[in-house]
Amino acid sequence: MTSAKSLFLERIASLTASTQIEAVTNRPLADRAHNNVARMLRNGLAVVGFASLEDFIKSRVSEVLNDVGRTGVPFRDLPERLRFASTFESIAALSYQMTIRDKADRLAYIQEHAAKIASTSATAYEITPHAFGYDQANVNSDTVRAILKSFLIDNPWGEMTKIAARIGLIGMPLEETFKSAANRRNRAAHVAHHDTPQTDIQQFTKEAHAIAITFDALLTKALRNMQQHNARYLNGHERINSVSVSIRSVRFRGGVWREELEGARRAVKVDQNLLSLQGAAKNRSVLAKDLYIEYSLVGEIVHWECN
């Protein structure tokens, strides 16, 4: 099964490529017919680009929720907000989903997810993967905040912004970035005469990476604490924040590929060959529980792993 991250990277790579083709670029004003088509295409890219980020957020938290039931942590010991979200609060999500699904699928759908909710009263349980983000058509900034707070991450958007700044992706607050992208999507989808600038879509690819990576890094740290049965985390005495995330990267500088650990004065390793560097760097990131990021030759993020 393709992971949420793989699909996201594939979609954002396609979005990046789409912003560079001639069809979405305006010609001199005299070519009105071409420019009208280009405007419509750019608006479409703004919509599907943001939808890719929304889908990642929903799909990634669904993956984590599926894993929570396998941690062996008793349901009663999970963070309170997570317990509430995955039981009675998830009824709103199931109710909304019933209105948008085919009539023939509704019975099986509600039986599957109701069974998972009911299972939380047993020793072996499953959590419905639709506990977050499935109660409305779109994901908003409050959805992201609610997800991370349920995993004992205080000030979610602030912590995400701090990690993004350390990665060097973006300097402004990520919540404002997310809201701006959502507004741009709404205008592109609902205002007939709206014209989405090509540069806005190109910038969004960087913003989307920043939001996806930092969201994933914090959420995965919370899951790891559950898998390790960290009592201080489970009882609320230890919180997840940006300091919890260490960063290891592989990037091209000075004519060589460099494995770099944030805060270290020298590269961990340098090599002319990327492939020979990648494997060892990934292994070290797993052992050290680092956020691992790979950059392309031109400095664009092409892959990340949260450990």
Protein backbone atom coordinates (compact mmCIF):
# COMPACT_ATOMS: atom_id res chain seq x y z
CA MET A 1 0.00 0.00 0.00
CA THR A 2 1.30 3.43 -0.93
CA SER A 3 1.96 5.55 2.14
CA ALA A 4 0.54 9.03 2.73
CA LYS A 5 4.04 10.46 2.40
CA SER A 6 4.78 8.74 -0.92
CA LEU A 7 1.55 10.00 -2.45
CA PHE A 8 2.19 13.51 -1.16
CA LEU A 9 5.73 13.64 -2.57
CA GLU A 10 4.50 12.32 -5.91
CA ARG A 11 1.71 14.89 -6.10
CA ILE A 12 3.86 17.84 -5.06
CA ALA A 13 6.54 16.81 -7.57
CA SER A 14 3.84 16.81 -10.27
CA LEU A 15 2.61 20.20 -9.06
CA THR A 16 6.13 21.61 -9.25
CA ALA A 17 6.56 20.28 -12.78
CA SER A 18 3.17 21.68 -13.80
CA THR A 19 4.11 25.21 -12.74
CA GLN A 20 6.99 25.19 -15.20
CA ILE A 21 5.15 24.24 -18.38
CA GLU A 22 4.31 26.77 -21.09
CA ALA A 23 0.55 26.13 -20.85
CA VAL A 24 0.25 27.84 -17.46
CA THR A 25 2.47 30.80 -18.36
CA ASN A 26 0.93 34.01 -19.66
CA ARG A 27 1.92 35.29 -23.09
CA PRO A 28 1.82 38.94 -24.19
CA LEU A 29 -1.60 40.42 -23.50
CA ALA A 30 -2.56 40.19 -27.14
CA ASP A 31 -2.86 36.39 -26.79
CA ARG A 32 -6.02 36.58 -24.74
CA ALA A 33 -7.26 33.08 -25.58
CA HIS A 34 -4.05 31.44 -24.33
CA ASN A 35 -3.96 33.57 -21.19
CA ASN A 36 -7.56 32.69 -20.33
CA VAL A 37 -6.69 29.00 -20.54
CA ALA A 38 -3.50 29.53 -18.52
CA ARG A 39 -5.50 31.33 -15.82
CA MET A 40 -7.96 28.45 -15.55
CA LEU A 41 -5.13 25.93 -15.35
CA ARG A 42 -3.37 27.89 -12.60
CA ASN A 43 -6.59 28.09 -10.62
CA GLY A 44 -6.96 24.33 -10.99
CA LEU A 45 -3.41 23.79 -9.75
CA ALA A 46 -4.11 25.94 -6.70
CA VAL A 47 -7.09 23.73 -5.85
CA VAL A 48 -5.48 20.33 -6.38
CA GLY A 49 -2.22 21.45 -4.76
CA PHE A 50 -3.94 22.36 -1.51
CA ALA A 51 -6.06 19.20 -1.73
CA SER A 52 -2.81 17.20 -1.80
CA LEU A 53 -1.76 18.75 1.50
CA GLU A 54 -5.21 18.19 3.03
CA ASP A 55 -5.15 14.56 1.97
CA PHE A 56 -1.69 14.05 3.46
CA ILE A 57 -2.78 15.42 6.83
CA LYS A 58 -5.86 13.19 6.96
CA SER A 59 -4.11 10.11 5.61
CA ARG A 60 -1.06 10.46 7.84
CA VAL A 61 -3.06 10.80 11.05
CA SER A 62 -5.16 7.81 9.92
CA GLU A 63 -1.95 5.76 9.58
CA VAL A 64 -0.89 6.78 13.08
CA LEU A 65 -4.30 5.97 14.55
CA ASN A 66 -4.11 2.51 12.99
CA ASP A 67 -0.75 2.04 14.72
CA VAL A 68 -1.93 3.26 18.15
CA GLY A 69 -4.01 0.13 18.68
CA ARG A 70 -0.91 -2.00 18.08
CA THR A 71 1.19 -0.28 20.73
CA GLY A 72 -0.14 -2.41 23.58
CA VAL A 73 -0.97 0.72 25.58
CA PRO A 74 -4.38 0.20 27.27
CA PHE A 75 -7.01 2.51 25.82
CA ARG A 76 -7.63 4.05 29.24
CA ASP A 77 -3.96 5.14 29.38
CA LEU A 78 -4.02 7.07 26.09
CA PRO A 79 -4.13 10.89 26.26
CA GLU A 80 -7.61 12.06 27.23
CA ARG A 81 -8.22 14.14 24.09
CA LEU A 82 -7.26 11.18 21.91
CA ARG A 83 -9.69 8.92 23.76
CA PHE A 84 -12.50 11.43 23.36
CA ALA A 85 -11.72 12.11 19.68
CA SER A 86 -11.65 8.41 18.82
CA THR A 87 -14.95 7.58 20.54
CA PHE A 88 -17.93 9.89 20.97
CA GLU A 89 -16.41 12.84 19.10
CA SER A 90 -15.80 10.68 16.01
CA ILE A 91 -19.57 10.17 15.62
CA ALA A 92 -19.71 13.54 13.84
CA ALA A 93 -17.17 12.29 11.31
CA LEU A 94 -19.07 9.07 10.66
CA SER A 95 -22.32 11.01 10.30
CA TYR A 96 -20.75 13.35 7.73
CA GLN A 97 -19.17 10.47 5.82
CA MET A 98 -22.55 8.76 5.56
CA THR A 99 -23.88 11.79 3.65
CA ILE A 100 -21.17 11.71 0.98
CA ARG A 101 -20.71 7.96 0.45
CA ASP A 102 -22.62 5.81 -2.02
CA LYS A 103 -25.77 4.36 -0.53
CA ALA A 104 -24.57 0.83 -1.26
CA ASP A 105 -21.41 1.40 0.86
CA ARG A 106 -23.00 3.00 3.91
CA LEU A 107 -23.95 -0.11 5.86
CA ALA A 108 -20.50 -1.71 5.61
CA TYR A 109 -18.83 1.61 6.39
CA ILE A 110 -20.77 2.32 9.57
CA GLN A 111 -20.43 -1.28 10.77
CA GLU A 112 -16.65 -1.20 10.30
CA HIS A 113 -16.08 2.06 12.13
CA ALA A 114 -18.71 1.48 14.83
CA ALA A 115 -17.01 -1.85 15.59
CA LYS A 116 -13.69 -0.07 16.04
CA ILE A 117 -15.24 2.49 18.39
CA ALA A 118 -16.85 -0.32 20.40
CA SER A 119 -13.56 -2.22 20.55
CA THR A 120 -12.01 0.52 22.69
CA SER A 121 -13.81 -1.01 25.68
CA ALA A 122 -11.80 -4.23 25.25
CA THR A 123 -8.17 -5.09 25.95
CA ALA A 124 -7.38 -5.47 22.25
CA TYR A 125 -8.77 -2.48 20.38
CA GLU A 126 -8.65 -0.60 17.11
CA ILE A 127 -9.13 3.13 16.64
CA THR A 128 -11.20 4.40 13.77
CA PRO A 129 -8.84 6.07 11.27
CA HIS A 130 -11.54 8.66 10.62
CA ALA A 131 -11.39 10.22 14.09
CA PHE A 132 -9.75 13.40 12.73
CA GLY A 133 -10.39 15.45 9.61
CA TYR A 134 -13.31 13.45 8.23
CA ASP A 135 -16.16 15.46 9.75
CA GLN A 136 -16.18 18.14 7.05
CA ALA A 137 -15.23 18.73 3.45
CA ASN A 138 -11.97 20.56 4.10
CA VAL A 139 -9.10 20.53 6.58
CA ASN A 140 -8.56 23.86 8.33
CA SER A 141 -5.93 25.16 10.71
CA ASP A 142 -8.06 24.23 13.71
CA THR A 143 -8.15 20.62 12.48
CA VAL A 144 -4.36 20.46 12.49
CA ARG A 145 -4.23 22.05 15.94
CA ALA A 146 -6.80 19.60 17.35
CA ILE A 147 -4.95 16.58 15.97
CA LEU A 148 -1.61 17.50 17.49
CA LYS A 149 -3.07 18.66 20.80
CA SER A 150 -4.75 15.26 21.12
CA PHE A 151 -1.24 13.76 21.04
CA LEU A 152 0.00 16.07 23.82
CA ILE A 153 1.68 18.61 21.57
CA ASP A 154 1.14 22.11 22.94
CA ASN A 155 1.15 25.14 20.62
CA PRO A 156 1.17 22.91 17.50
CA TRP A 157 1.54 25.58 14.84
CA GLY A 158 4.23 27.37 16.83
CA GLU A 159 6.26 24.19 17.23
CA MET A 160 5.82 23.34 13.56
CA THR A 161 7.07 26.81 12.61
CA LYS A 162 10.19 26.39 14.77
CA ILE A 163 11.09 23.12 13.04
CA ALA A 164 10.44 24.59 9.59
CA ALA A 165 12.78 27.50 10.39
CA ARG A 166 15.51 25.07 11.44
CA ILE A 167 15.11 23.17 8.18
CA GLY A 168 15.33 26.46 6.30
CA LEU A 169 12.05 26.03 4.46
CA ILE A 170 10.13 29.10 5.51
CA GLY A 171 10.39 31.98 7.95
CA MET A 172 6.80 33.14 8.51
CA PRO A 173 4.34 31.43 10.91
CA LEU A 174 3.07 28.22 9.31
CA GLU A 175 -0.51 28.72 10.48
CA GLU A 176 -0.72 31.95 8.50
CA THR A 177 0.89 30.20 5.54
CA PHE A 178 -1.71 27.43 5.74
CA LYS A 179 -4.59 29.90 6.00
CA SER A 180 -3.30 31.90 3.04
CA ALA A 181 -3.04 28.75 0.93
CA ALA A 182 -6.58 27.73 1.96
CA ASN A 183 -7.92 31.17 1.01
CA ARG A 184 -6.12 30.98 -2.32
CA ARG A 185 -7.70 27.57 -2.94
CA ASN A 186 -11.15 28.91 -2.08
CA ARG A 187 -10.81 31.89 -4.41
CA ALA A 188 -9.52 29.68 -7.21
CA ALA A 189 -12.42 27.28 -6.77
CA HIS A 190 -15.28 29.72 -6.26
CA VAL A 191 -14.41 33.09 -7.85
CA ALA A 192 -14.82 32.80 -11.61
CA HIS A 193 -12.58 35.74 -12.51
CA HIS A 194 -9.83 34.93 -10.00
CA ASP A 195 -6.28 34.67 -11.36
CA THR A 196 -3.82 32.66 -9.26
CA PRO A 197 -0.25 33.93 -9.83
CA GLN A 198 2.18 31.31 -11.06
CA THR A 199 4.66 32.36 -8.37
CA ASP A 200 2.10 31.66 -5.64
CA ILE A 201 1.79 28.05 -6.76
CA GLN A 202 5.57 27.66 -6.94
CA GLN A 203 5.91 29.08 -3.42
CA PHE A 204 3.16 26.77 -2.17
CA THR A 205 5.24 23.70 -3.02
CA LYS A 206 7.79 24.84 -0.41
CA GLU A 207 5.07 25.76 2.07
CA ALA A 208 3.38 22.40 1.64
CA HIS A 209 6.65 20.59 2.35
CA ALA A 210 7.17 22.67 5.48
CA ILE A 211 3.71 21.91 6.83
CA ALA A 212 3.73 18.21 5.93
CA ILE A 213 7.21 17.48 7.29
CA THR A 214 6.78 19.32 10.57
CA PHE A 215 3.30 17.86 11.16
CA ASP A 216 4.65 14.37 10.47
CA ALA A 217 7.72 14.88 12.68
CA LEU A 218 5.69 15.90 15.76
CA LEU A 219 2.99 13.28 15.23
CA THR A 220 5.54 10.49 14.76
CA LYS A 221 7.39 11.51 17.93
CA ALA A 222 4.13 11.13 19.85
CA LEU A 223 3.52 7.68 18.34
CA ARG A 224 7.06 6.58 19.24
CA ASN A 225 6.42 7.55 22.86
CA MET A 226 3.34 5.33 22.86
CA GLN A 227 5.20 2.45 21.25
CA GLN A 228 7.89 2.75 23.92
CA HIS A 229 5.24 2.94 26.69
CA ASN A 230 6.81 6.17 27.93
CA ALA A 231 5.00 6.61 31.25
CA ARG A 232 5.91 10.28 31.62
CA TYR A 233 4.44 11.03 28.21
CA LEU A 234 1.32 8.94 28.77
CA ASN A 235 0.55 10.55 32.11
CA GLY A 236 1.02 14.03 30.63
CA HIS A 237 4.21 14.97 32.45
CA GLU A 238 6.28 14.98 29.23
CA ARG A 239 5.14 16.91 26.17
CA ILE A 240 6.23 16.76 22.55
CA ASN A 241 7.70 19.96 21.11
CA SER A 242 10.17 21.15 18.49
CA VAL A 243 13.11 20.43 20.79
CA SER A 244 12.06 16.75 20.71
CA VAL A 245 12.99 16.66 17.01
CA SER A 246 16.63 16.34 15.96
CA ILE A 247 17.46 16.79 12.27
CA ARG A 248 19.85 14.86 10.04
CA SER A 249 20.11 15.78 6.37
CA VAL A 250 21.81 14.76 3.15
CA ARG A 251 22.52 17.58 0.72
CA PHE A 252 24.93 18.61 -2.05
CA ARG A 253 27.45 21.29 -1.06
CA GLY A 254 30.92 22.16 -2.24
CA GLY A 255 30.85 19.56 -4.99
CA VAL A 256 30.11 16.61 -2.67
CA TRP A 257 27.18 15.00 -0.91
CA ARG A 258 27.24 15.69 2.81
CA GLU A 259 25.52 13.99 5.70
CA GLU A 260 24.91 16.74 8.24
CA LEU A 261 23.64 16.61 11.79
CA GLU A 262 22.02 19.80 13.01
CA GLY A 263 24.28 21.63 15.44
CA ALA A 264 27.44 19.73 14.47
CA ARG A 265 30.37 21.82 13.26
CA ARG A 266 31.49 19.27 10.68
CA ALA A 267 29.70 16.89 8.34
CA VAL A 268 29.20 13.38 9.65
CA LYS A 269 30.32 12.02 6.28
CA VAL A 270 31.01 13.29 2.75
CA ASP A 271 30.95 11.31 -0.47
CA GLN A 272 30.95 11.91 -4.21
CA ASN A 273 28.32 9.19 -4.58
CA LEU A 274 24.85 9.86 -3.19
CA LEU A 275 23.77 6.22 -3.08
CA SER A 276 26.74 5.15 -0.96
CA LEU A 277 25.96 7.94 1.50
CA GLN A 278 22.21 7.48 1.76
CA GLY A 279 22.05 4.04 3.33
CA ALA A 280 24.41 4.75 6.21
CA ALA A 281 22.82 8.15 6.85
CA LYS A 282 19.34 6.62 7.02
CA ASN A 283 20.56 3.92 9.41
CA ARG A 284 22.14 6.51 11.69
CA SER A 285 18.95 8.56 11.64
CA VAL A 286 16.93 5.52 12.72
CA LEU A 287 19.30 4.73 15.58
CA ALA A 288 19.36 8.36 16.73
CA LYS A 289 15.60 8.84 16.13
CA ASP A 290 16.28 11.86 13.90
CA LEU A 291 14.11 13.57 11.35
CA TYR A 292 15.93 12.58 8.13
CA ILE A 293 15.73 14.89 5.09
CA GLU A 294 17.20 14.47 1.61
CA TYR A 295 17.70 17.40 -0.76
CA SER A 296 18.17 17.39 -4.53
CA LEU A 297 21.17 18.83 -6.35
CA VAL A 298 19.38 22.19 -6.50
CA GLY A 299 18.43 22.17 -2.84
CA GLU A 300 14.81 21.01 -3.05
CA ILE A 301 13.49 18.44 -0.57
CA VAL A 302 12.85 15.12 -2.31
CA HIS A 303 12.38 12.79 0.67
CA TRP A 304 12.03 12.70 4.44
CA GLU A 305 11.68 10.07 7.15
CA CYS A 306 10.52 10.51 10.72
CA ASN A 307 12.06 8.20 13.31
